Full PDB file with SEQRES, HELIX, SHEET, SSBOND, CRYST1, ORIGX, SCALE, CONECT and MASTER records, all heavy atoms in Angstrom:
SEQRES   1 A   35  ASP ARG VAL THR GLU LEU LEU HIS GLN LYS LEU LYS GLN          
SEQRES   2 A   35  SER GLU LEU MET GLY LEU LYS LYS GLU LEU MET ALA GLN          
SEQRES   3 A   35  ARG ARG GLU ALA ALA LEU GLU GLU GLN                          
HELIX    1 AA1 ARG A    2  GLU A   34  1                                  33    
CRYST1    1.000    1.000    1.000  90.00  90.00  90.00 P 1           1          
ORIGX1      1.000000  0.000000  0.000000        0.00000                         
ORIGX2      0.000000  1.000000  0.000000        0.00000                         
ORIGX3      0.000000  0.000000  1.000000        0.00000                         
SCALE1      1.000000  0.000000  0.000000        0.00000                         
SCALE2      0.000000  1.000000  0.000000        0.00000                         
SCALE3      0.000000  0.000000  1.000000        0.00000                         
ATOM      1  N   ASP A   1      32.424 216.830  -2.410  1.00  0.00           N  
ATOM      2  CA  ASP A   1      33.129 216.171  -3.522  1.00  0.00           C  
ATOM      3  C   ASP A   1      33.917 214.976  -2.984  1.00  0.00           C  
ATOM      4  O   ASP A   1      33.927 213.916  -3.584  1.00  0.00           O  
ATOM      5  CB  ASP A   1      33.989 217.139  -4.284  1.00  0.00           C  
ATOM      6  CG  ASP A   1      33.247 218.232  -5.025  1.00  0.00           C  
ATOM      7  OD1 ASP A   1      32.084 217.949  -5.227  1.00  0.00           O  
ATOM      8  OD2 ASP A   1      33.758 219.272  -5.152  1.00  0.00           O  
ATOM      9  N   ARG A   2      34.587 215.270  -1.941  1.00  0.00           N  
ATOM     10  CA  ARG A   2      35.454 214.140  -1.314  1.00  0.00           C  
ATOM     11  C   ARG A   2      34.565 212.939  -0.836  1.00  0.00           C  
ATOM     12  O   ARG A   2      34.960 211.754  -1.149  1.00  0.00           O  
ATOM     13  CB  ARG A   2      36.299 214.616  -0.169  1.00  0.00           C  
ATOM     14  CG  ARG A   2      37.413 215.664  -0.537  1.00  0.00           C  
ATOM     15  CD  ARG A   2      38.470 215.897   0.563  1.00  0.00           C  
ATOM     16  NE  ARG A   2      37.907 216.413   1.629  1.00  0.00           N  
ATOM     17  CZ  ARG A   2      37.771 217.718   1.945  1.00  0.00           C  
ATOM     18  NH1 ARG A   2      38.257 218.619   1.013  1.00  0.00           N  
ATOM     19  NH2 ARG A   2      37.247 218.253   3.115  1.00  0.00           N  
ATOM     20  N   VAL A   3      33.531 213.271  -0.104  1.00  0.00           N  
ATOM     21  CA  VAL A   3      32.630 212.178   0.428  1.00  0.00           C  
ATOM     22  C   VAL A   3      32.009 211.432  -0.827  1.00  0.00           C  
ATOM     23  O   VAL A   3      31.883 210.244  -0.780  1.00  0.00           O  
ATOM     24  CB  VAL A   3      31.594 212.815   1.260  1.00  0.00           C  
ATOM     25  CG1 VAL A   3      30.535 211.719   1.596  1.00  0.00           C  
ATOM     26  CG2 VAL A   3      32.243 213.314   2.561  1.00  0.00           C  
ATOM     27  N   THR A   4      31.576 212.268  -1.751  1.00  0.00           N  
ATOM     28  CA  THR A   4      30.958 211.541  -2.963  1.00  0.00           C  
ATOM     29  C   THR A   4      31.897 210.656  -3.667  1.00  0.00           C  
ATOM     30  O   THR A   4      31.558 209.492  -4.086  1.00  0.00           O  
ATOM     31  CB  THR A   4      30.465 212.684  -4.000  1.00  0.00           C  
ATOM     32  OG1 THR A   4      29.710 213.529  -3.315  1.00  0.00           O  
ATOM     33  CG2 THR A   4      29.800 212.035  -5.162  1.00  0.00           C  
ATOM     34  N   GLU A   5      33.296 211.191  -3.790  1.00  0.00           N  
ATOM     35  CA  GLU A   5      34.156 210.247  -4.554  1.00  0.00           C  
ATOM     36  C   GLU A   5      34.550 209.128  -3.585  1.00  0.00           C  
ATOM     37  O   GLU A   5      34.684 207.908  -4.177  1.00  0.00           O  
ATOM     38  CB  GLU A   5      35.433 211.111  -4.632  1.00  0.00           C  
ATOM     39  CG  GLU A   5      36.584 210.376  -5.319  1.00  0.00           C  
ATOM     40  CD  GLU A   5      36.198 209.989  -6.793  1.00  0.00           C  
ATOM     41  OE1 GLU A   5      35.428 210.654  -7.380  1.00  0.00           O  
ATOM     42  OE2 GLU A   5      36.890 209.060  -7.303  1.00  0.00           O  
ATOM     43  N   LEU A   6      34.682 209.264  -2.309  1.00  0.00           N  
ATOM     44  CA  LEU A   6      34.902 208.137  -1.417  1.00  0.00           C  
ATOM     45  C   LEU A   6      33.842 207.074  -1.501  1.00  0.00           C  
ATOM     46  O   LEU A   6      34.066 205.764  -1.701  1.00  0.00           O  
ATOM     47  CB  LEU A   6      35.022 208.683   0.033  1.00  0.00           C  
ATOM     48  CG  LEU A   6      35.296 207.545   1.025  1.00  0.00           C  
ATOM     49  CD1 LEU A   6      36.682 206.926   0.763  1.00  0.00           C  
ATOM     50  CD2 LEU A   6      35.378 208.211   2.395  1.00  0.00           C  
ATOM     51  N   LEU A   7      32.458 207.462  -1.536  1.00  0.00           N  
ATOM     52  CA  LEU A   7      31.516 206.523  -1.605  1.00  0.00           C  
ATOM     53  C   LEU A   7      31.451 205.820  -2.991  1.00  0.00           C  
ATOM     54  O   LEU A   7      31.106 204.597  -3.062  1.00  0.00           O  
ATOM     55  CB  LEU A   7      30.117 207.149  -1.280  1.00  0.00           C  
ATOM     56  CG  LEU A   7      29.967 207.716   0.144  1.00  0.00           C  
ATOM     57  CD1 LEU A   7      28.672 208.491   0.377  1.00  0.00           C  
ATOM     58  CD2 LEU A   7      30.101 206.519   1.204  1.00  0.00           C  
ATOM     59  N   HIS A   8      31.642 206.662  -3.893  1.00  0.00           N  
ATOM     60  CA  HIS A   8      31.642 205.979  -5.396  1.00  0.00           C  
ATOM     61  C   HIS A   8      32.733 205.075  -5.546  1.00  0.00           C  
ATOM     62  O   HIS A   8      32.590 204.106  -6.355  1.00  0.00           O  
ATOM     63  CB  HIS A   8      31.742 207.125  -6.325  1.00  0.00           C  
ATOM     64  CG  HIS A   8      30.444 207.924  -6.513  1.00  0.00           C  
ATOM     65  ND1 HIS A   8      30.340 209.091  -7.288  1.00  0.00           N  
ATOM     66  CD2 HIS A   8      29.096 207.650  -6.108  1.00  0.00           C  
ATOM     67  CE1 HIS A   8      29.078 209.611  -7.279  1.00  0.00           C  
ATOM     68  NE2 HIS A   8      28.414 208.692  -6.484  1.00  0.00           N  
ATOM     69  N   GLN A   9      33.844 205.174  -4.869  1.00  0.00           N  
ATOM     70  CA  GLN A   9      34.964 204.237  -5.059  1.00  0.00           C  
ATOM     71  C   GLN A   9      34.522 202.890  -4.405  1.00  0.00           C  
ATOM     72  O   GLN A   9      34.825 201.857  -5.002  1.00  0.00           O  
ATOM     73  CB  GLN A   9      36.187 204.756  -4.248  1.00  0.00           C  
ATOM     74  CG  GLN A   9      36.933 205.867  -4.961  1.00  0.00           C  
ATOM     75  CD  GLN A   9      38.172 206.342  -4.187  1.00  0.00           C  
ATOM     76  OE1 GLN A   9      38.453 205.918  -3.098  1.00  0.00           O  
ATOM     77  NE2 GLN A   9      38.879 207.290  -4.674  1.00  0.00           N  
ATOM     78  N   LYS A  10      33.794 202.869  -3.256  1.00  0.00           N  
ATOM     79  CA  LYS A  10      33.334 201.657  -2.759  1.00  0.00           C  
ATOM     80  C   LYS A  10      32.305 201.007  -3.772  1.00  0.00           C  
ATOM     81  O   LYS A  10      32.358 199.762  -3.903  1.00  0.00           O  
ATOM     82  CB  LYS A  10      32.690 201.906  -1.366  1.00  0.00           C  
ATOM     83  CG  LYS A  10      33.710 202.472  -0.351  1.00  0.00           C  
ATOM     84  CD  LYS A  10      32.995 202.635   1.151  1.00  0.00           C  
ATOM     85  CE  LYS A  10      33.819 203.036   1.989  1.00  0.00           C  
ATOM     86  NZ  LYS A  10      33.231 203.251   3.386  1.00  0.00           N  
ATOM     87  N   LEU A  11      31.404 201.811  -4.250  1.00  0.00           N  
ATOM     88  CA  LEU A  11      30.514 201.259  -5.177  1.00  0.00           C  
ATOM     89  C   LEU A  11      31.082 200.681  -6.456  1.00  0.00           C  
ATOM     90  O   LEU A  11      30.771 199.682  -6.969  1.00  0.00           O  
ATOM     91  CB  LEU A  11      29.402 202.264  -5.541  1.00  0.00           C  
ATOM     92  CG  LEU A  11      28.278 201.767  -6.364  1.00  0.00           C  
ATOM     93  CD1 LEU A  11      27.398 200.725  -5.441  1.00  0.00           C  
ATOM     94  CD2 LEU A  11      27.250 202.936  -6.593  1.00  0.00           C  
ATOM     95  N   LYS A  12      32.188 201.493  -6.884  1.00  0.00           N  
ATOM     96  CA  LYS A  12      32.941 201.106  -8.046  1.00  0.00           C  
ATOM     97  C   LYS A  12      33.601 199.728  -7.817  1.00  0.00           C  
ATOM     98  O   LYS A  12      33.690 198.984  -8.728  1.00  0.00           O  
ATOM     99  CB  LYS A  12      33.913 202.187  -8.409  1.00  0.00           C  
ATOM    100  CG  LYS A  12      34.587 202.027  -9.810  1.00  0.00           C  
ATOM    101  CD  LYS A  12      35.371 203.164 -10.202  1.00  0.00           C  
ATOM    102  CE  LYS A  12      36.082 202.941 -11.508  1.00  0.00           C  
ATOM    103  NZ  LYS A  12      36.892 204.106 -11.925  1.00  0.00           N  
ATOM    104  N   GLN A  13      34.315 199.639  -6.664  1.00  0.00           N  
ATOM    105  CA  GLN A  13      34.907 198.369  -6.376  1.00  0.00           C  
ATOM    106  C   GLN A  13      33.983 197.227  -6.307  1.00  0.00           C  
ATOM    107  O   GLN A  13      34.374 196.097  -6.864  1.00  0.00           O  
ATOM    108  CB  GLN A  13      35.626 198.419  -4.962  1.00  0.00           C  
ATOM    109  CG  GLN A  13      36.789 199.346  -4.906  1.00  0.00           C  
ATOM    110  CD  GLN A  13      37.397 199.370  -3.502  1.00  0.00           C  
ATOM    111  OE1 GLN A  13      36.769 198.934  -2.580  1.00  0.00           O  
ATOM    112  NE2 GLN A  13      38.482 200.191  -3.396  1.00  0.00           N  
ATOM    113  N   SER A  14      32.738 197.399  -5.994  1.00  0.00           N  
ATOM    114  CA  SER A  14      31.661 196.385  -5.994  1.00  0.00           C  
ATOM    115  C   SER A  14      31.382 196.068  -7.493  1.00  0.00           C  
ATOM    116  O   SER A  14      31.296 194.878  -7.884  1.00  0.00           O  
ATOM    117  CB  SER A  14      30.498 196.804  -5.250  1.00  0.00           C  
ATOM    118  OG  SER A  14      29.412 195.904  -5.371  1.00  0.00           O  
ATOM    119  N   GLU A  15      31.219 197.123  -8.291  1.00  0.00           N  
ATOM    120  CA  GLU A  15      31.049 196.754  -9.725  1.00  0.00           C  
ATOM    121  C   GLU A  15      32.177 196.083 -10.496  1.00  0.00           C  
ATOM    122  O   GLU A  15      31.990 195.273 -11.304  1.00  0.00           O  
ATOM    123  CB  GLU A  15      30.750 198.205 -10.375  1.00  0.00           C  
ATOM    124  CG  GLU A  15      29.449 198.766  -9.931  1.00  0.00           C  
ATOM    125  CD  GLU A  15      29.278 200.245 -10.401  1.00  0.00           C  
ATOM    126  OE1 GLU A  15      30.184 200.728 -11.170  1.00  0.00           O  
ATOM    127  OE2 GLU A  15      28.232 200.844 -10.233  1.00  0.00           O  
ATOM    128  N   LEU A  16      33.418 196.470 -10.040  1.00  0.00           N  
ATOM    129  CA  LEU A  16      34.579 195.809 -10.681  1.00  0.00           C  
ATOM    130  C   LEU A  16      34.580 194.387 -10.203  1.00  0.00           C  
ATOM    131  O   LEU A  16      35.003 193.434 -11.105  1.00  0.00           O  
ATOM    132  CB  LEU A  16      35.809 196.510 -10.181  1.00  0.00           C  
ATOM    133  CG  LEU A  16      36.071 197.896 -10.732  1.00  0.00           C  
ATOM    134  CD1 LEU A  16      37.383 198.507 -10.101  1.00  0.00           C  
ATOM    135  CD2 LEU A  16      36.233 197.785 -12.313  1.00  0.00           C  
ATOM    136  N   MET A  17      34.185 194.046  -8.999  1.00  0.00           N  
ATOM    137  CA  MET A  17      34.192 192.803  -8.482  1.00  0.00           C  
ATOM    138  C   MET A  17      33.156 191.898  -9.259  1.00  0.00           C  
ATOM    139  O   MET A  17      33.218 190.721  -9.755  1.00  0.00           O  
ATOM    140  CB  MET A  17      33.913 192.574  -6.961  1.00  0.00           C  
ATOM    141  CG  MET A  17      35.161 192.998  -6.241  1.00  0.00           C  
ATOM    142  SD  MET A  17      34.751 192.699  -4.413  1.00  0.00           S  
ATOM    143  CE  MET A  17      36.354 193.248  -3.715  1.00  0.00           C  
ATOM    144  N   GLY A  18      32.053 192.670  -9.551  1.00  0.00           N  
ATOM    145  CA  GLY A  18      30.964 192.000 -10.488  1.00  0.00           C  
ATOM    146  C   GLY A  18      31.531 191.625 -11.821  1.00  0.00           C  
ATOM    147  O   GLY A  18      31.226 190.625 -12.487  1.00  0.00           O  
ATOM    148  N   LEU A  19      32.326 192.584 -12.491  1.00  0.00           N  
ATOM    149  CA  LEU A  19      32.907 192.219 -13.785  1.00  0.00           C  
ATOM    150  C   LEU A  19      33.867 191.172 -13.665  1.00  0.00           C  
ATOM    151  O   LEU A  19      33.997 190.370 -14.544  1.00  0.00           O  
ATOM    152  CB  LEU A  19      33.625 193.606 -14.235  1.00  0.00           C  
ATOM    153  CG  LEU A  19      32.673 194.742 -14.567  1.00  0.00           C  
ATOM    154  CD1 LEU A  19      33.470 195.870 -15.039  1.00  0.00           C  
ATOM    155  CD2 LEU A  19      31.634 194.385 -15.674  1.00  0.00           C  
ATOM    156  N   LYS A  20      34.601 191.080 -12.500  1.00  0.00           N  
ATOM    157  CA  LYS A  20      35.525 190.068 -12.389  1.00  0.00           C  
ATOM    158  C   LYS A  20      34.930 188.696 -12.164  1.00  0.00           C  
ATOM    159  O   LYS A  20      35.352 187.639 -12.729  1.00  0.00           O  
ATOM    160  CB  LYS A  20      36.425 190.324 -11.209  1.00  0.00           C  
ATOM    161  CG  LYS A  20      37.659 189.392 -11.007  1.00  0.00           C  
ATOM    162  CD  LYS A  20      38.530 189.746  -9.890  1.00  0.00           C  
ATOM    163  CE  LYS A  20      39.729 188.930  -9.679  1.00  0.00           C  
ATOM    164  NZ  LYS A  20      40.585 189.291  -8.521  1.00  0.00           N  
ATOM    165  N   LYS A  21      33.785 188.713 -11.516  1.00  0.00           N  
ATOM    166  CA  LYS A  21      32.871 187.470 -11.449  1.00  0.00           C  
ATOM    167  C   LYS A  21      32.499 187.033 -12.826  1.00  0.00           C  
ATOM    168  O   LYS A  21      32.541 185.685 -13.103  1.00  0.00           O  
ATOM    169  CB  LYS A  21      31.681 187.822 -10.481  1.00  0.00           C  
ATOM    170  CG  LYS A  21      30.859 186.570 -10.261  1.00  0.00           C  
ATOM    171  CD  LYS A  21      29.670 186.900  -9.456  1.00  0.00           C  
ATOM    172  CE  LYS A  21      28.719 185.774  -9.308  1.00  0.00           C  
ATOM    173  NZ  LYS A  21      27.993 185.532 -10.633  1.00  0.00           N  
ATOM    174  N   GLU A  22      32.065 187.949 -13.619  1.00  0.00           N  
ATOM    175  CA  GLU A  22      31.725 187.575 -14.987  1.00  0.00           C  
ATOM    176  C   GLU A  22      32.836 186.968 -15.778  1.00  0.00           C  
ATOM    177  O   GLU A  22      32.633 185.989 -16.498  1.00  0.00           O  
ATOM    178  CB  GLU A  22      31.021 188.645 -15.729  1.00  0.00           C  
ATOM    179  CG  GLU A  22      29.776 189.228 -15.132  1.00  0.00           C  
ATOM    180  CD  GLU A  22      29.243 190.460 -15.941  1.00  0.00           C  
ATOM    181  OE1 GLU A  22      29.961 190.846 -16.980  1.00  0.00           O  
ATOM    182  OE2 GLU A  22      28.227 191.036 -15.585  1.00  0.00           O  
ATOM    183  N   LEU A  23      34.084 187.535 -15.550  1.00  0.00           N  
ATOM    184  CA  LEU A  23      35.207 186.960 -16.247  1.00  0.00           C  
ATOM    185  C   LEU A  23      35.497 185.596 -15.805  1.00  0.00           C  
ATOM    186  O   LEU A  23      35.821 184.762 -16.534  1.00  0.00           O  
ATOM    187  CB  LEU A  23      36.382 187.883 -15.898  1.00  0.00           C  
ATOM    188  CG  LEU A  23      37.789 187.450 -16.633  1.00  0.00           C  
ATOM    189  CD1 LEU A  23      37.686 187.309 -18.129  1.00  0.00           C  
ATOM    190  CD2 LEU A  23      38.902 188.375 -16.311  1.00  0.00           C  
ATOM    191  N   MET A  24      35.385 185.338 -14.472  1.00  0.00           N  
ATOM    192  CA  MET A  24      35.535 184.022 -13.892  1.00  0.00           C  
ATOM    193  C   MET A  24      34.545 182.967 -14.471  1.00  0.00           C  
ATOM    194  O   MET A  24      34.812 181.883 -14.867  1.00  0.00           O  
ATOM    195  CB  MET A  24      35.510 184.022 -12.299  1.00  0.00           C  
ATOM    196  CG  MET A  24      36.550 184.763 -11.606  1.00  0.00           C  
ATOM    197  SD  MET A  24      38.206 184.205 -11.801  1.00  0.00           S  
ATOM    198  CE  MET A  24      38.887 185.305 -13.009  1.00  0.00           C  
ATOM    199  N   ALA A  25      33.378 183.535 -14.610  1.00  0.00           N  
ATOM    200  CA  ALA A  25      32.248 182.586 -15.227  1.00  0.00           C  
ATOM    201  C   ALA A  25      32.599 182.278 -16.655  1.00  0.00           C  
ATOM    202  O   ALA A  25      32.367 181.099 -17.075  1.00  0.00           O  
ATOM    203  CB  ALA A  25      30.914 183.261 -15.139  1.00  0.00           C  
ATOM    204  N   GLN A  26      33.135 183.143 -17.455  1.00  0.00           N  
ATOM    205  CA  GLN A  26      33.445 183.038 -18.825  1.00  0.00           C  
ATOM    206  C   GLN A  26      34.643 182.014 -18.905  1.00  0.00           C  
ATOM    207  O   GLN A  26      34.526 181.118 -19.740  1.00  0.00           O  
ATOM    208  CB  GLN A  26      33.890 184.238 -19.438  1.00  0.00           C  
ATOM    209  CG  GLN A  26      32.737 185.292 -19.694  1.00  0.00           C  
ATOM    210  CD  GLN A  26      33.143 186.689 -20.283  1.00  0.00           C  
ATOM    211  OE1 GLN A  26      34.295 186.836 -20.515  1.00  0.00           O  
ATOM    212  NE2 GLN A  26      32.221 187.617 -20.416  1.00  0.00           N  
ATOM    213  N   ARG A  27      35.542 182.143 -18.029  1.00  0.00           N  
ATOM    214  CA  ARG A  27      36.775 181.211 -17.961  1.00  0.00           C  
ATOM    215  C   ARG A  27      36.203 179.807 -17.576  1.00  0.00           C  
ATOM    216  O   ARG A  27      36.635 178.729 -18.130  1.00  0.00           O  
ATOM    217  CB  ARG A  27      37.807 181.611 -17.019  1.00  0.00           C  
ATOM    218  CG  ARG A  27      38.625 182.937 -17.499  1.00  0.00           C  
ATOM    219  CD  ARG A  27      39.594 183.347 -16.515  1.00  0.00           C  
ATOM    220  NE  ARG A  27      40.519 182.315 -16.249  1.00  0.00           N  
ATOM    221  CZ  ARG A  27      41.560 182.328 -15.299  1.00  0.00           C  
ATOM    222  NH1 ARG A  27      41.531 183.402 -14.483  1.00  0.00           N  
ATOM    223  NH2 ARG A  27      42.330 181.504 -15.173  1.00  0.00           N  
ATOM    224  N   ARG A  28      35.409 179.822 -16.652  1.00  0.00           N  
ATOM    225  CA  ARG A  28      34.773 178.423 -16.227  1.00  0.00           C  
ATOM    226  C   ARG A  28      34.034 177.776 -17.398  1.00  0.00           C  
ATOM    227  O   ARG A  28      34.097 176.496 -17.541  1.00  0.00           O  
ATOM    228  CB  ARG A  28      33.860 178.655 -14.977  1.00  0.00           C  
ATOM    229  CG  ARG A  28      33.311 177.292 -14.566  1.00  0.00           C  
ATOM    230  CD  ARG A  28      32.477 177.741 -13.153  1.00  0.00           C  
ATOM    231  NE  ARG A  28      31.551 178.672 -13.359  1.00  0.00           N  
ATOM    232  CZ  ARG A  28      30.416 178.592 -13.977  1.00  0.00           C  
ATOM    233  NH1 ARG A  28      29.935 177.228 -14.428  1.00  0.00           N  
ATOM    234  NH2 ARG A  28      29.529 179.580 -14.047  1.00  0.00           N  
ATOM    235  N   GLU A  29      33.265 178.691 -18.118  1.00  0.00           N  
ATOM    236  CA  GLU A  29      32.473 178.086 -19.290  1.00  0.00           C  
ATOM    237  C   GLU A  29      33.468 177.603 -20.334  1.00  0.00           C  
ATOM    238  O   GLU A  29      33.143 176.490 -20.999  1.00  0.00           O  
ATOM    239  CB  GLU A  29      31.627 179.071 -19.823  1.00  0.00           C  
ATOM    240  CG  GLU A  29      30.562 178.680 -20.749  1.00  0.00           C  
ATOM    241  CD  GLU A  29      29.532 177.600 -20.289  1.00  0.00           C  
ATOM    242  OE1 GLU A  29      29.367 177.602 -19.049  1.00  0.00           O  
ATOM    243  OE2 GLU A  29      29.062 176.769 -21.063  1.00  0.00           O  
ATOM    244  N   ALA A  30      34.557 178.242 -20.513  1.00  0.00           N  
ATOM    245  CA  ALA A  30      35.561 177.858 -21.471  1.00  0.00           C  
ATOM    246  C   ALA A  30      36.180 176.514 -21.073  1.00  0.00           C  
ATOM    247  O   ALA A  30      36.402 175.583 -21.950  1.00  0.00           O  
ATOM    248  CB  ALA A  30      36.608 178.988 -21.659  1.00  0.00           C  
ATOM    249  N   ALA A  31      36.516 176.459 -19.854  1.00  0.00           N  
ATOM    250  CA  ALA A  31      37.014 175.100 -19.417  1.00  0.00           C  
ATOM    251  C   ALA A  31      36.006 173.969 -19.505  1.00  0.00           C  
ATOM    252  O   ALA A  31      36.426 172.862 -19.860  1.00  0.00           O  
ATOM    253  CB  ALA A  31      37.454 175.246 -17.869  1.00  0.00           C  
ATOM    254  N   LEU A  32      34.807 174.333 -19.259  1.00  0.00           N  
ATOM    255  CA  LEU A  32      33.808 173.292 -19.560  1.00  0.00           C  
ATOM    256  C   LEU A  32      33.655 172.807 -20.955  1.00  0.00           C  
ATOM    257  O   LEU A  32      33.451 171.637 -21.303  1.00  0.00           O  
ATOM    258  CB  LEU A  32      32.393 173.897 -18.991  1.00  0.00           C  
ATOM    259  CG  LEU A  32      31.152 172.904 -19.064  1.00  0.00           C  
ATOM    260  CD1 LEU A  32      31.348 171.570 -18.359  1.00  0.00           C  
ATOM    261  CD2 LEU A  32      29.821 173.544 -18.628  1.00  0.00           C  
ATOM    262  N   GLU A  33      33.654 173.704 -21.773  1.00  0.00           N  
ATOM    263  CA  GLU A  33      33.610 173.465 -23.351  1.00  0.00           C  
ATOM    264  C   GLU A  33      34.815 172.740 -23.679  1.00  0.00           C  
ATOM    265  O   GLU A  33      34.641 171.804 -24.514  1.00  0.00           O  
ATOM    266  CB  GLU A  33      33.550 174.821 -24.060  1.00  0.00           C  
ATOM    267  CG  GLU A  33      32.187 175.601 -23.980  1.00  0.00           C  
ATOM    268  CD  GLU A  33      31.134 174.826 -24.501  1.00  0.00           C  
ATOM    269  OE1 GLU A  33      31.320 174.022 -25.413  1.00  0.00           O  
ATOM    270  OE2 GLU A  33      30.034 175.011 -23.943  1.00  0.00           O  
ATOM    271  N   GLU A  34      35.969 173.041 -23.234  1.00  0.00           N  
ATOM    272  CA  GLU A  34      37.253 172.186 -23.431  1.00  0.00           C  
ATOM    273  C   GLU A  34      37.010 170.719 -22.999  1.00  0.00           C  
ATOM    274  O   GLU A  34      37.306 169.833 -23.678  1.00  0.00           O  
ATOM    275  CB  GLU A  34      38.358 172.789 -22.911  1.00  0.00           C  
ATOM    276  CG  GLU A  34      39.718 172.181 -23.228  1.00  0.00           C  
ATOM    277  CD  GLU A  34      40.967 172.769 -22.655  1.00  0.00           C  
ATOM    278  OE1 GLU A  34      40.826 173.878 -21.919  1.00  0.00           O  
ATOM    279  OE2 GLU A  34      42.038 172.239 -22.820  1.00  0.00           O  
ATOM    280  N   GLN A  35      36.456 170.618 -21.787  1.00  0.00           N  
ATOM    281  CA  GLN A  35      36.170 169.334 -21.236  1.00  0.00           C  
ATOM    282  C   GLN A  35      35.254 168.421 -22.150  1.00  0.00           C  
ATOM    283  O   GLN A  35      35.423 167.296 -22.481  1.00  0.00           O  
ATOM    284  CB  GLN A  35      35.604 169.409 -19.792  1.00  0.00           C  
ATOM    285  CG  GLN A  35      35.330 168.059 -19.231  1.00  0.00           C  
ATOM    286  CD  GLN A  35      34.694 168.245 -17.925  1.00  0.00           C  
ATOM    287  OE1 GLN A  35      34.678 169.306 -17.215  1.00  0.00           O  
ATOM    288  NE2 GLN A  35      34.037 167.213 -17.344  1.00  0.00           N  
TER     289      GLN A  35                                                      
MASTER        0    0    0    1    0    0    0    6  288    1    0    3          
END                                                                             
């Protein structure tokens, strides 16, 4: 259980970064629309 949780945390961090990247892309698109 500990090893599974530890590995899943690394994978979850990668997924959270992917969501953050999508948020950055949305903000960039909003700035482009404003421009």
